[in-house]
Amino acid sequence: YQPISIGNVSRSGKSWKIKNTQPTNDIIICMSPDLKTKKVTGKNGTITIGYHRFSKSLLKVLSNDVEAIISHYSQSLGKVDSNLLILQSKRKKGGGYARLGGIFLAGLSEESYLKKKEDYHRYLAHEIGHLWWHNAPSSTWEDWLNESFAEYSSLCWIRKKFGQHAFLKRMEKKVKQSKNSSPIWDFDRNNDPNSSTILYNKGPVLLWKLKKRIGSV
């Protein structure tokens, strides 16, 4: 079995050593006898794609899309350590998930990626955005500084990639969904039933309104 994880994975005698420079609450280790990896080193860092049945065409498209998102953020938000692991997960239940520096995609195929390209771009851009937006506490109301900023950043990428109409369509939907939700300030992150609405809809809407008032740099 070949292991893969966020950070550096190396063999040490009969053991494997995993080193991650980013603080984390858990260590995700994936192992597979048919694991393949592709590394793409760009001007903003290294993208490692772990997969078992991606076509060469999808590998190229996916790596180019991720590199474009990272380049956009690096130009607009500044340089960070943007080394990233993207793993094609075999799990059939639970869907995809992400950690700082790693995105785990379940059920991804070339057909689904090309058919739902805008949706995948928003998802990838949100998770990649956490390379920039992650320092606030994640268990209090201040998590909006992580999630709302990452979500708004992903919508700005959608606007750049797919146009103003795609951006406004998603933002207008968030405006409707965030009506009558609790204020962001001091909301109960763990028990408020509207937490997701506040973090992923209301927060980005308020950032959009602020942007319209103060303008761009």
N, C-alpha and C. Protein backbone atom coordinates (compact mmCIF):
# COMPACT_ATOMS: atom_id res chain seq x y z
N TYR A 1 0.85 -1.20 0.00
CA TYR A 1 0.00 0.00 0.00
C TYR A 1 0.88 1.25 0.00
N GLN A 2 0.47 2.21 -0.79
CA GLN A 2 1.19 3.49 -0.87
C GLN A 2 0.41 4.53 -0.06
N PRO A 3 1.01 5.13 0.98
CA PRO A 3 0.30 6.14 1.76
C PRO A 3 0.44 7.54 1.15
N ILE A 4 -0.53 8.37 1.46
CA ILE A 4 -0.48 9.77 1.05
C ILE A 4 -1.14 10.60 2.14
N SER A 5 -0.65 11.82 2.35
CA SER A 5 -1.19 12.67 3.40
C SER A 5 -0.82 14.12 3.11
N ILE A 6 -1.44 15.04 3.83
CA ILE A 6 -1.07 16.45 3.72
C ILE A 6 0.31 16.63 4.34
N GLY A 7 1.18 17.32 3.66
CA GLY A 7 2.55 17.50 4.15
C GLY A 7 3.50 16.57 3.44
N ASN A 8 4.62 16.30 4.06
CA ASN A 8 5.65 15.45 3.47
C ASN A 8 5.56 14.04 4.03
N VAL A 9 5.51 13.05 3.14
CA VAL A 9 5.46 11.64 3.53
C VAL A 9 6.77 10.99 3.09
N SER A 10 7.47 10.37 4.03
CA SER A 10 8.76 9.76 3.69
C SER A 10 8.89 8.41 4.38
N ARG A 11 9.71 7.55 3.80
CA ARG A 11 9.95 6.22 4.36
C ARG A 11 11.13 6.29 5.31
N SER A 12 11.00 5.68 6.47
CA SER A 12 12.08 5.64 7.44
C SER A 12 12.22 4.20 7.94
N GLY A 13 13.11 3.44 7.29
CA GLY A 13 13.24 2.03 7.63
C GLY A 13 11.98 1.28 7.23
N LYS A 14 11.35 0.65 8.22
CA LYS A 14 10.09 -0.06 7.97
C LYS A 14 8.88 0.81 8.29
N SER A 15 9.14 2.05 8.61
CA SER A 15 8.05 2.95 9.00
C SER A 15 7.89 4.09 8.00
N TRP A 16 6.78 4.76 8.12
CA TRP A 16 6.52 5.96 7.32
C TRP A 16 6.46 7.16 8.25
N LYS A 17 7.00 8.27 7.79
CA LYS A 17 7.02 9.50 8.58
C LYS A 17 6.23 10.58 7.83
N ILE A 18 5.30 11.22 8.56
CA ILE A 18 4.48 12.28 7.98
C ILE A 18 4.78 13.57 8.72
N LYS A 19 5.14 14.60 7.99
CA LYS A 19 5.47 15.89 8.59
C LYS A 19 4.64 16.98 7.93
N ASN A 20 3.88 17.67 8.75
CA ASN A 20 3.04 18.77 8.27
C ASN A 20 3.42 20.04 9.03
N THR A 21 3.78 21.08 8.33
CA THR A 21 4.21 22.32 8.98
C THR A 21 3.03 23.16 9.45
N GLN A 22 1.81 22.82 9.01
CA GLN A 22 0.63 23.58 9.41
C GLN A 22 0.02 22.96 10.67
N PRO A 23 -0.36 23.78 11.67
CA PRO A 23 -1.05 23.25 12.85
C PRO A 23 -2.35 22.55 12.43
N THR A 24 -2.66 21.41 13.04
CA THR A 24 -3.85 20.67 12.64
C THR A 24 -4.45 19.93 13.83
N ASN A 25 -5.74 19.64 13.75
CA ASN A 25 -6.42 18.90 14.80
C ASN A 25 -6.41 17.40 14.55
N ASP A 26 -6.15 17.01 13.32
CA ASP A 26 -6.12 15.59 13.00
C ASP A 26 -5.15 15.33 11.85
N ILE A 27 -4.74 14.09 11.71
CA ILE A 27 -3.83 13.70 10.64
C ILE A 27 -4.58 12.71 9.75
N ILE A 28 -4.82 13.10 8.52
CA ILE A 28 -5.52 12.23 7.58
C ILE A 28 -4.50 11.42 6.80
N ILE A 29 -4.63 10.10 6.84
CA ILE A 29 -3.75 9.21 6.09
C ILE A 29 -4.61 8.36 5.17
N CYS A 30 -4.32 8.39 3.89
CA CYS A 30 -5.02 7.56 2.92
C CYS A 30 -4.01 6.58 2.32
N MET A 31 -4.46 5.34 2.11
CA MET A 31 -3.57 4.31 1.57
C MET A 31 -4.32 3.51 0.51
N SER A 32 -3.61 3.14 -0.54
CA SER A 32 -4.24 2.38 -1.61
C SER A 32 -3.16 1.63 -2.39
N PRO A 33 -3.46 0.40 -2.83
CA PRO A 33 -2.48 -0.34 -3.62
C PRO A 33 -2.35 0.18 -5.05
N ASP A 34 -3.35 0.96 -5.51
CA ASP A 34 -3.30 1.47 -6.89
C ASP A 34 -3.20 2.99 -6.94
N LEU A 35 -2.65 3.57 -5.87
CA LEU A 35 -2.50 5.02 -5.82
C LEU A 35 -1.46 5.51 -6.82
N LYS A 36 -1.83 6.52 -7.55
CA LYS A 36 -0.90 7.19 -8.46
C LYS A 36 -0.83 8.66 -8.05
N THR A 37 0.29 9.29 -8.30
CA THR A 37 0.43 10.71 -7.96
C THR A 37 1.02 11.50 -9.13
N LYS A 38 0.59 12.72 -9.20
CA LYS A 38 1.14 13.65 -10.20
C LYS A 38 1.45 14.95 -9.49
N LYS A 39 2.66 15.44 -9.63
CA LYS A 39 3.06 16.70 -9.01
C LYS A 39 3.24 17.76 -10.09
N VAL A 40 2.64 18.90 -9.83
CA VAL A 40 2.75 20.04 -10.74
C VAL A 40 3.34 21.19 -9.95
N THR A 41 4.53 21.62 -10.31
CA THR A 41 5.18 22.72 -9.61
C THR A 41 5.03 23.99 -10.44
N GLY A 42 4.31 24.94 -9.87
CA GLY A 42 4.10 26.22 -10.53
C GLY A 42 4.83 27.33 -9.81
N LYS A 43 4.59 28.55 -10.22
CA LYS A 43 5.27 29.69 -9.60
C LYS A 43 4.74 29.99 -8.21
N ASN A 44 3.61 29.38 -7.83
CA ASN A 44 3.01 29.67 -6.53
C ASN A 44 3.08 28.50 -5.56
N GLY A 45 3.71 27.39 -5.96
CA GLY A 45 3.78 26.24 -5.07
C GLY A 45 3.61 24.95 -5.84
N THR A 46 3.51 23.85 -5.09
CA THR A 46 3.40 22.52 -5.69
C THR A 46 2.00 21.96 -5.46
N ILE A 47 1.39 21.48 -6.52
CA ILE A 47 0.09 20.80 -6.44
C ILE A 47 0.34 19.31 -6.62
N THR A 48 -0.04 18.53 -5.63
CA THR A 48 0.08 17.08 -5.71
C THR A 48 -1.32 16.48 -5.88
N ILE A 49 -1.53 15.75 -6.95
CA ILE A 49 -2.82 15.11 -7.20
C ILE A 49 -2.66 13.61 -6.99
N GLY A 50 -3.42 13.07 -6.04
CA GLY A 50 -3.45 11.63 -5.81
C GLY A 50 -4.70 11.05 -6.44
N TYR A 51 -4.55 9.98 -7.20
CA TYR A 51 -5.71 9.47 -7.95
C TYR A 51 -5.52 7.98 -8.24
N HIS A 52 -6.61 7.38 -8.71
CA HIS A 52 -6.51 5.98 -9.11
C HIS A 52 -7.14 5.74 -10.48
N ARG A 53 -7.98 6.68 -10.97
CA ARG A 53 -8.57 6.49 -12.29
C ARG A 53 -8.87 7.81 -13.00
N PHE A 54 -8.07 8.81 -12.80
CA PHE A 54 -8.20 10.05 -13.56
C PHE A 54 -7.57 9.86 -14.95
N SER A 55 -8.21 10.41 -15.96
CA SER A 55 -7.60 10.39 -17.29
C SER A 55 -6.53 11.47 -17.36
N LYS A 56 -5.64 11.35 -18.34
CA LYS A 56 -4.62 12.37 -18.53
C LYS A 56 -5.24 13.73 -18.82
N SER A 57 -6.35 13.71 -19.53
CA SER A 57 -7.05 14.95 -19.86
C SER A 57 -7.57 15.64 -18.60
N LEU A 58 -8.20 14.87 -17.70
CA LEU A 58 -8.73 15.46 -16.47
C LEU A 58 -7.60 15.95 -15.57
N LEU A 59 -6.50 15.21 -15.49
CA LEU A 59 -5.36 15.64 -14.69
C LEU A 59 -4.86 17.00 -15.15
N LYS A 60 -4.78 17.19 -16.44
CA LYS A 60 -4.30 18.45 -16.99
C LYS A 60 -5.28 19.59 -16.71
N VAL A 61 -6.57 19.32 -16.94
CA VAL A 61 -7.59 20.35 -16.71
C VAL A 61 -7.64 20.74 -15.23
N LEU A 62 -7.66 19.73 -14.34
CA LEU A 62 -7.75 19.98 -12.91
C LEU A 62 -6.55 20.75 -12.39
N SER A 63 -5.35 20.33 -12.78
CA SER A 63 -4.14 21.02 -12.31
C SER A 63 -4.09 22.45 -12.83
N ASN A 64 -4.49 22.66 -14.08
CA ASN A 64 -4.52 24.02 -14.64
C ASN A 64 -5.53 24.90 -13.92
N ASP A 65 -6.70 24.34 -13.60
CA ASP A 65 -7.74 25.12 -12.91
C ASP A 65 -7.28 25.51 -11.51
N VAL A 66 -6.69 24.55 -10.79
CA VAL A 66 -6.23 24.83 -9.42
C VAL A 66 -5.10 25.86 -9.44
N GLU A 67 -4.17 25.72 -10.37
CA GLU A 67 -3.07 26.68 -10.49
C GLU A 67 -3.60 28.07 -10.80
N ALA A 68 -4.64 28.16 -11.63
CA ALA A 68 -5.22 29.46 -11.97
C ALA A 68 -5.86 30.11 -10.75
N ILE A 69 -6.55 29.31 -9.93
CA ILE A 69 -7.17 29.84 -8.71
C ILE A 69 -6.11 30.35 -7.74
N ILE A 70 -5.06 29.55 -7.53
CA ILE A 70 -3.99 29.94 -6.62
C ILE A 70 -3.29 31.21 -7.12
N SER A 71 -3.06 31.30 -8.41
CA SER A 71 -2.42 32.49 -8.99
C SER A 71 -3.29 33.73 -8.77
N HIS A 72 -4.60 33.57 -8.97
CA HIS A 72 -5.52 34.69 -8.75
C HIS A 72 -5.47 35.18 -7.31
N TYR A 73 -5.53 34.24 -6.36
CA TYR A 73 -5.48 34.61 -4.95
C TYR A 73 -4.13 35.22 -4.58
N SER A 74 -3.06 34.68 -5.12
CA SER A 74 -1.73 35.20 -4.81
C SER A 74 -1.58 36.65 -5.25
N GLN A 75 -2.19 36.97 -6.38
CA GLN A 75 -2.12 38.34 -6.89
C GLN A 75 -3.01 39.29 -6.10
N SER A 76 -4.19 38.81 -5.70
CA SER A 76 -5.15 39.69 -5.03
C SER A 76 -5.01 39.70 -3.51
N LEU A 77 -4.54 38.60 -2.92
CA LEU A 77 -4.48 38.49 -1.47
C LEU A 77 -3.07 38.40 -0.92
N GLY A 78 -2.07 38.19 -1.78
CA GLY A 78 -0.70 38.09 -1.34
C GLY A 78 -0.21 36.65 -1.34
N LYS A 79 1.09 36.49 -1.23
CA LYS A 79 1.72 35.18 -1.28
C LYS A 79 1.59 34.45 0.06
N VAL A 80 1.28 33.15 0.00
CA VAL A 80 1.31 32.29 1.18
C VAL A 80 1.92 30.95 0.75
N ASP A 81 2.13 30.06 1.71
CA ASP A 81 2.56 28.70 1.39
C ASP A 81 1.38 27.99 0.74
N SER A 82 1.41 27.85 -0.56
CA SER A 82 0.23 27.33 -1.28
C SER A 82 0.45 25.92 -1.81
N ASN A 83 1.33 25.13 -1.17
CA ASN A 83 1.44 23.72 -1.52
C ASN A 83 0.13 23.03 -1.17
N LEU A 84 -0.36 22.20 -2.08
CA LEU A 84 -1.72 21.68 -1.94
C LEU A 84 -1.80 20.23 -2.39
N LEU A 85 -2.53 19.41 -1.62
CA LEU A 85 -2.82 18.04 -2.00
C LEU A 85 -4.28 17.95 -2.42
N ILE A 86 -4.52 17.35 -3.60
CA ILE A 86 -5.88 17.05 -4.04
C ILE A 86 -5.96 15.55 -4.25
N LEU A 87 -6.90 14.90 -3.56
CA LEU A 87 -6.97 13.45 -3.59
C LEU A 87 -8.33 12.98 -4.08
N GLN A 88 -8.31 12.08 -5.03
CA GLN A 88 -9.53 11.42 -5.48
C GLN A 88 -9.86 10.32 -4.48
N SER A 89 -10.93 10.53 -3.72
CA SER A 89 -11.28 9.59 -2.65
C SER A 89 -12.16 8.46 -3.20
N LYS A 90 -11.93 7.26 -2.70
CA LYS A 90 -12.73 6.11 -3.10
C LYS A 90 -13.99 5.94 -2.25
N ARG A 91 -14.09 6.71 -1.21
CA ARG A 91 -15.21 6.48 -0.30
C ARG A 91 -16.54 6.75 -0.99
N LYS A 92 -17.53 5.94 -0.69
CA LYS A 92 -18.84 6.04 -1.33
C LYS A 92 -19.87 6.76 -0.46
N LYS A 93 -19.56 6.93 0.81
CA LYS A 93 -20.45 7.64 1.72
C LYS A 93 -19.71 8.81 2.34
N GLY A 94 -20.43 9.88 2.61
CA GLY A 94 -19.83 11.02 3.31
C GLY A 94 -19.38 12.15 2.43
N GLY A 95 -19.23 11.90 1.13
CA GLY A 95 -18.87 12.99 0.23
C GLY A 95 -17.44 13.46 0.40
N GLY A 96 -17.17 14.63 -0.16
CA GLY A 96 -15.84 15.22 -0.09
C GLY A 96 -15.67 16.06 1.16
N TYR A 97 -14.44 16.40 1.47
CA TYR A 97 -14.14 17.25 2.62
C TYR A 97 -12.77 17.87 2.40
N ALA A 98 -12.38 18.75 3.29
CA ALA A 98 -11.10 19.44 3.12
C ALA A 98 -10.48 19.73 4.48
N ARG A 99 -9.17 19.85 4.46
CA ARG A 99 -8.39 20.34 5.58
C ARG A 99 -7.43 21.39 5.02
N LEU A 100 -6.81 22.16 5.88
CA LEU A 100 -5.88 23.16 5.42
C LEU A 100 -4.74 22.48 4.65
N GLY A 101 -4.66 22.79 3.36
CA GLY A 101 -3.62 22.20 2.52
C GLY A 101 -4.03 20.94 1.81
N GLY A 102 -5.29 20.50 1.98
CA GLY A 102 -5.72 19.26 1.34
C GLY A 102 -7.20 19.27 0.99
N ILE A 103 -7.54 18.80 -0.20
CA ILE A 103 -8.92 18.68 -0.65
C ILE A 103 -9.15 17.24 -1.07
N PHE A 104 -10.19 16.61 -0.51
CA PHE A 104 -10.47 15.19 -0.76
C PHE A 104 -11.80 15.09 -1.50
N LEU A 105 -11.75 14.67 -2.74
CA LEU A 105 -12.90 14.68 -3.62
C LEU A 105 -13.44 13.26 -3.80
N ALA A 106 -14.69 13.05 -3.42
CA ALA A 106 -15.31 11.74 -3.57
C ALA A 106 -16.18 11.73 -4.82
N GLY A 107 -16.12 10.63 -5.57
CA GLY A 107 -16.99 10.47 -6.72
C GLY A 107 -16.66 11.36 -7.90
N LEU A 108 -15.45 11.89 -7.95
CA LEU A 108 -15.10 12.79 -9.05
C LEU A 108 -14.70 12.00 -10.28
N SER A 109 -15.31 12.35 -11.39
CA SER A 109 -14.96 11.76 -12.68
C SER A 109 -14.82 12.89 -13.69
N GLU A 110 -14.24 12.59 -14.83
CA GLU A 110 -14.08 13.60 -15.88
C GLU A 110 -15.44 14.12 -16.32
N GLU A 111 -16.41 13.23 -16.45
CA GLU A 111 -17.74 13.62 -16.90
C GLU A 111 -18.40 14.59 -15.91
N SER A 112 -18.34 14.24 -14.61
CA SER A 112 -18.98 15.10 -13.61
C SER A 112 -18.26 16.44 -13.49
N TYR A 113 -16.93 16.44 -13.61
CA TYR A 113 -16.19 17.69 -13.48
C TYR A 113 -16.52 18.65 -14.62
N LEU A 114 -16.57 18.13 -15.83
CA LEU A 114 -16.85 18.99 -16.98
C LEU A 114 -18.32 19.42 -17.02
N LYS A 115 -19.21 18.56 -16.53
CA LYS A 115 -20.64 18.86 -16.54
C LYS A 115 -20.99 19.91 -15.49
N LYS A 116 -20.30 19.88 -14.36
CA LYS A 116 -20.58 20.81 -13.26
C LYS A 116 -19.36 21.68 -12.97
N LYS A 117 -18.76 22.20 -14.01
CA LYS A 117 -17.48 22.89 -13.86
C LYS A 117 -17.58 24.11 -12.95
N GLU A 118 -18.64 24.90 -13.10
CA GLU A 118 -18.76 26.09 -12.26
C GLU A 118 -18.90 25.71 -10.79
N ASP A 119 -19.68 24.67 -10.50
CA ASP A 119 -19.85 24.23 -9.12
C ASP A 119 -18.53 23.73 -8.53
N TYR A 120 -17.78 22.97 -9.32
CA TYR A 120 -16.49 22.48 -8.83
C TYR A 120 -15.50 23.63 -8.63
N HIS A 121 -15.54 24.63 -9.50
CA HIS A 121 -14.67 25.79 -9.33
C HIS A 121 -14.99 26.53 -8.04
N ARG A 122 -16.29 26.67 -7.73
CA ARG A 122 -16.65 27.35 -6.49
C ARG A 122 -16.16 26.56 -5.29
N TYR A 123 -16.35 25.24 -5.34
CA TYR A 123 -15.91 24.40 -4.22
C TYR A 123 -14.40 24.44 -4.06
N LEU A 124 -13.67 24.25 -5.15
CA LEU A 124 -12.22 24.28 -5.09
C LEU A 124 -11.72 25.64 -4.62
N ALA A 125 -12.31 26.72 -5.16
CA ALA A 125 -11.88 28.07 -4.80
C ALA A 125 -12.15 28.37 -3.33
N HIS A 126 -13.26 27.83 -2.79
CA HIS A 126 -13.55 28.03 -1.37
C HIS A 126 -12.50 27.34 -0.51
N GLU A 127 -12.23 26.07 -0.81
CA GLU A 127 -11.27 25.32 0.01
C GLU A 127 -9.85 25.85 -0.16
N ILE A 128 -9.49 26.23 -1.36
CA ILE A 128 -8.16 26.83 -1.58
C ILE A 128 -8.08 28.17 -0.85
N GLY A 129 -9.21 28.88 -0.78
CA GLY A 129 -9.24 30.16 -0.07
C GLY A 129 -8.83 30.04 1.39
N HIS A 130 -9.01 28.86 1.98
CA HIS A 130 -8.63 28.68 3.38
C HIS A 130 -7.12 28.70 3.59
N LEU A 131 -6.35 28.60 2.51
CA LEU A 131 -4.90 28.81 2.65
C LEU A 131 -4.63 30.24 3.10
N TRP A 132 -5.55 31.15 2.80
CA TRP A 132 -5.44 32.54 3.22
C TRP A 132 -6.31 32.83 4.44
N TRP A 133 -7.51 32.24 4.50
CA TRP A 133 -8.47 32.54 5.56
C TRP A 133 -8.62 31.33 6.48
N HIS A 134 -7.85 31.29 7.57
CA HIS A 134 -7.93 30.13 8.47
C HIS A 134 -7.50 30.44 9.91
N ASN A 135 -7.08 31.63 10.19
CA ASN A 135 -6.46 31.90 11.50
C ASN A 135 -7.45 32.21 12.62
N ALA A 136 -8.71 32.49 12.29
CA ALA A 136 -9.68 32.80 13.34
C ALA A 136 -10.14 31.51 14.04
N PRO A 137 -10.61 31.61 15.28
CA PRO A 137 -11.14 30.41 15.97
C PRO A 137 -12.27 29.79 15.15
N SER A 138 -12.28 28.48 15.05
CA SER A 138 -13.30 27.82 14.22
C SER A 138 -14.51 27.33 15.02
N SER A 139 -14.47 27.50 16.34
CA SER A 139 -15.57 27.01 17.17
C SER A 139 -16.40 28.15 17.78
N THR A 140 -16.10 29.40 17.41
CA THR A 140 -16.85 30.53 17.92
C THR A 140 -17.46 31.30 16.74
N TRP A 141 -18.19 32.37 17.06
CA TRP A 141 -18.82 33.18 16.00
C TRP A 141 -17.77 33.78 15.06
N GLU A 142 -16.52 33.89 15.54
CA GLU A 142 -15.46 34.48 14.71
C GLU A 142 -15.04 33.57 13.54
N ASP A 143 -15.62 32.38 13.49
CA ASP A 143 -15.35 31.49 12.35
C ASP A 143 -15.82 32.12 11.04
N TRP A 144 -16.65 33.15 11.13
CA TRP A 144 -17.08 33.82 9.90
C TRP A 144 -15.89 34.45 9.18
N LEU A 145 -14.84 34.77 9.95
CA LEU A 145 -13.62 35.33 9.33
C LEU A 145 -12.89 34.28 8.51
N ASN A 146 -13.15 33.01 8.79
CA ASN A 146 -12.61 31.94 7.96
C ASN A 146 -13.56 31.61 6.81
N GLU A 147 -14.80 31.27 7.16
CA GLU A 147 -15.72 30.71 6.18
C GLU A 147 -16.33 31.76 5.24
N SER A 148 -16.77 32.88 5.79
CA SER A 148 -17.40 33.89 4.93
C SER A 148 -16.39 34.52 3.98
N PHE A 149 -15.16 34.74 4.46
CA PHE A 149 -14.15 35.32 3.59
C PHE A 149 -13.72 34.33 2.51
N ALA A 150 -13.62 33.03 2.87
CA ALA A 150 -13.28 32.02 1.87
C ALA A 150 -14.39 31.89 0.83
N GLU A 151 -15.64 31.95 1.29
CA GLU A 151 -16.77 31.84 0.35
C GLU A 151 -16.86 33.06 -0.57
N TYR A 152 -16.69 34.25 0.00
CA TYR A 152 -16.71 35.46 -0.84
C TYR A 152 -15.56 35.45 -1.85
N SER A 153 -14.41 34.98 -1.41
CA SER A 153 -13.26 34.89 -2.32
C SER A 153 -13.57 33.94 -3.47
N SER A 154 -14.26 32.83 -3.16
CA SER A 154 -14.60 31.86 -4.21
C SER A 154 -15.57 32.48 -5.22
N LEU A 155 -16.48 33.32 -4.75
CA LEU A 155 -17.42 33.97 -5.66
C LEU A 155 -16.72 35.01 -6.53
N CYS A 156 -15.72 35.66 -5.98
CA CYS A 156 -14.92 36.59 -6.79
C CYS A 156 -14.19 35.84 -7.90
N TRP A 157 -13.76 34.61 -7.60
CA TRP A 157 -13.14 33.79 -8.65
C TRP A 157 -14.18 33.39 -9.71
N ILE A 158 -15.39 33.05 -9.26
CA ILE A 158 -16.46 32.72 -10.20
C ILE A 158 -16.71 33.90 -11.14
N ARG A 159 -16.69 35.09 -10.60
CA ARG A 159 -16.90 36.29 -11.44
C ARG A 159 -15.80 36.43 -12.47
N LYS A 160 -14.57 36.18 -12.06
CA LYS A 160 -13.44 36.30 -12.99
C LYS A 160 -13.47 35.21 -14.06
N LYS A 161 -13.85 34.00 -13.65
CA LYS A 161 -13.80 32.84 -14.56
C LYS A 161 -15.04 32.74 -15.44
N PHE A 162 -16.23 32.98 -14.85
CA PHE A 162 -17.48 32.72 -15.56
C PHE A 162 -18.30 33.98 -15.85
N GLY A 163 -17.85 35.13 -15.32
CA GLY A 163 -18.52 36.38 -15.66
C GLY A 163 -19.40 36.94 -14.55
N GLN A 164 -19.76 38.20 -14.71
CA GLN A 164 -20.57 38.93 -13.73
C GLN A 164 -21.94 38.29 -13.52
N HIS A 165 -22.54 37.77 -14.59
CA HIS A 165 -23.87 37.17 -14.47
C HIS A 165 -23.84 35.98 -13.52
N ALA A 166 -22.83 35.12 -13.64
CA ALA A 166 -22.71 33.95 -12.76
C ALA A 166 -22.51 34.39 -11.31
N PHE A 167 -21.71 35.43 -11.10
CA PHE A 167 -21.47 35.97 -9.76
C PHE A 167 -22.77 36.49 -9.15
N LEU A 168 -23.50 37.32 -9.89
CA LEU A 168 -24.73 37.92 -9.38
C LEU A 168 -25.81 36.88 -9.11
N LYS A 169 -25.88 35.87 -9.96
CA LYS A 169 -26.88 34.82 -9.77
C LYS A 169 -26.67 34.11 -8.44
N ARG A 170 -25.42 33.79 -8.13
CA ARG A 170 -25.12 33.13 -6.87
C ARG A 170 -25.30 34.07 -5.69
N MET A 171 -24.91 35.33 -5.86
CA MET A 171 -25.03 36.28 -4.76
C MET A 171 -26.50 36.61 -4.45
N GLU A 172 -27.31 36.74 -5.48
CA GLU A 172 -28.73 37.03 -5.26
C GLU A 172 -29.42 35.88 -4.53
N LYS A 173 -28.99 34.67 -4.81
CA LYS A 173 -29.53 33.51 -4.10
C LYS A 173 -29.14 33.56 -2.62
N LYS A 174 -27.92 33.99 -2.34
CA LYS A 174 -27.47 34.11 -0.95
C LYS A 174 -28.23 35.22 -0.22
N VAL A 175 -28.55 36.30 -0.93
CA VAL A 175 -29.34 37.39 -0.32
C VAL A 175 -30.68 36.84 0.16
N LYS A 176 -31.36 36.06 -0.66
CA LYS A 176 -32.65 35.49 -0.29
C LYS A 176 -32.52 34.51 0.86
N GLN A 177 -31.49 33.69 0.83
CA GLN A 177 -31.33 32.66 1.86
C GLN A 177 -30.93 33.25 3.21
N SER A 178 -30.33 34.43 3.21
CA SER A 178 -29.83 35.00 4.47
C SER A 178 -30.83 35.92 5.15
N LYS A 179 -32.00 36.13 4.55
CA LYS A 179 -33.02 36.99 5.16
C LYS A 179 -33.48 36.41 6.50
N ASN A 180 -33.65 37.30 7.47
CA ASN A 180 -34.15 36.95 8.81
C ASN A 180 -33.21 36.05 9.61
N SER A 181 -31.96 35.94 9.18
CA SER A 181 -30.99 35.16 9.96
C SER A 181 -30.42 36.00 11.09
N SER A 182 -29.78 35.35 12.05
CA SER A 182 -29.23 36.05 13.22
C SER A 182 -28.09 36.97 12.80
N PRO A 183 -27.82 38.00 13.62
CA PRO A 183 -26.63 38.83 13.37
C PRO A 183 -25.37 37.98 13.46
N ILE A 184 -24.36 38.37 12.73
CA ILE A 184 -23.09 37.63 12.78
C ILE A 184 -22.43 37.80 14.14
N TRP A 185 -22.45 39.02 14.65
CA TRP A 185 -21.75 39.31 15.90
C TRP A 185 -22.25 38.41 17.04
N ASP A 186 -21.38 37.57 17.56
CA ASP A 186 -21.63 36.76 18.74
C ASP A 186 -22.74 35.71 18.56
N PHE A 187 -23.00 35.26 17.32
CA PHE A 187 -23.98 34.18 17.17
C PHE A 187 -23.38 32.88 17.72
N ASP A 188 -24.25 31.94 18.09
CA ASP A 188 -23.81 30.68 18.69
C ASP A 188 -23.37 29.74 17.57
N ARG A 189 -22.06 29.65 17.36
CA ARG A 189 -21.50 28.87 16.24
C ARG A 189 -21.92 27.42 16.29
N ASN A 190 -22.05 26.85 17.49
CA ASN A 190 -22.28 25.41 17.61
C ASN A 190 -23.74 25.02 17.76
N ASN A 191 -24.60 25.97 18.15
CA ASN A 191 -25.99 25.61 18.43
C ASN A 191 -27.03 26.38 17.63
N ASP A 192 -26.65 27.47 17.01
CA ASP A 192 -27.60 28.22 16.20
C ASP A 192 -27.95 27.39 14.95
N PRO A 193 -29.25 27.08 14.74
CA PRO A 193 -29.63 26.27 13.57
C PRO A 193 -29.34 26.96 12.25
N ASN A 194 -29.09 28.27 12.29
CA ASN A 194 -28.80 29.03 11.07
C ASN A 194 -27.31 29.29 10.87
N SER A 195 -26.47 28.53 11.57
CA SER A 195 -25.02 28.77 11.49
C SER A 195 -24.52 28.72 10.05
N SER A 196 -24.92 27.70 9.31
CA SER A 196 -24.45 27.56 7.93
C SER A 196 -24.91 28.73 7.07
N THR A 197 -26.15 29.17 7.30
CA THR A 197 -26.68 30.31 6.55
C THR A 197 -25.87 31.56 6.84
N ILE A 198 -25.52 31.77 8.10
CA ILE A 198 -24.76 32.96 8.48
C ILE A 198 -23.36 32.91 7.87
N LEU A 199 -22.71 31.75 7.96
CA LEU A 199 -21.32 31.63 7.52
C LEU A 199 -21.17 31.69 6.01
N TYR A 200 -22.08 31.01 5.31
CA TYR A 200 -21.88 30.82 3.86
C TYR A 200 -22.78 31.69 2.98
N ASN A 201 -23.77 32.33 3.59
CA ASN A 201 -24.66 33.21 2.82
C ASN A 201 -24.61 34.66 3.31
N LYS A 202 -24.96 34.86 4.58
CA LYS A 202 -25.03 36.23 5.09
C LYS A 202 -23.67 36.90 5.11
N GLY A 203 -22.65 36.19 5.57
CA GLY A 203 -21.31 36.77 5.63
C GLY A 203 -20.82 37.26 4.27
N PRO A 204 -20.87 36.41 3.23
CA PRO A 204 -20.45 36.87 1.90
C PRO A 204 -21.27 38.03 1.37
N VAL A 205 -22.57 38.06 1.69
CA VAL A 205 -23.42 39.18 1.24
C VAL A 205 -22.96 40.49 1.87
N LEU A 206 -22.65 40.45 3.18
CA LEU A 206 -22.19 41.66 3.86
C LEU A 206 -20.84 42.12 3.32
N LEU A 207 -19.97 41.16 3.00
CA LEU A 207 -18.67 41.52 2.41
C LEU A 207 -18.85 42.14 1.03
N TRP A 208 -19.80 41.62 0.28
CA TRP A 208 -20.11 42.18 -1.05
C TRP A 208 -20.62 43.62 -0.92
N LYS A 209 -21.50 43.86 0.05
CA LYS A 209 -22.03 45.21 0.26
C LYS A 209 -20.91 46.16 0.70
N LEU A 210 -20.02 45.66 1.57
CA LEU A 210 -18.89 46.49 2.02
C LEU A 210 -17.98 46.83 0.84
N LYS A 211 -17.74 45.84 0.00
CA LYS A 211 -16.90 46.06 -1.19
C LYS A 211 -17.49 47.14 -2.09
N LYS A 212 -18.81 47.12 -2.26
CA LYS A 212 -19.47 48.12 -3.11
C LYS A 212 -19.37 49.51 -2.51
N ARG A 213 -19.29 49.62 -1.19
CA ARG A 213 -19.20 50.92 -0.54
C ARG A 213 -17.79 51.48 -0.55
N ILE A 214 -16.77 50.61 -0.35
CA ILE A 214 -15.40 51.12 -0.22
C ILE A 214 -14.61 50.98 -1.51
N GLY A 215 -15.09 50.15 -2.46
CA GLY A 215 -14.41 50.00 -3.73
C GLY A 215 -13.23 49.05 -3.66
N SER A 216 -12.54 48.91 -4.80
CA SER A 216 -11.40 48.01 -4.91
C SER A 216 -10.10 48.75 -4.66
N VAL A 217 -9.10 48.00 -4.28
CA VAL A 217 -7.76 48.60 -4.08
C VAL A 217 -7.18 48.93 -5.43
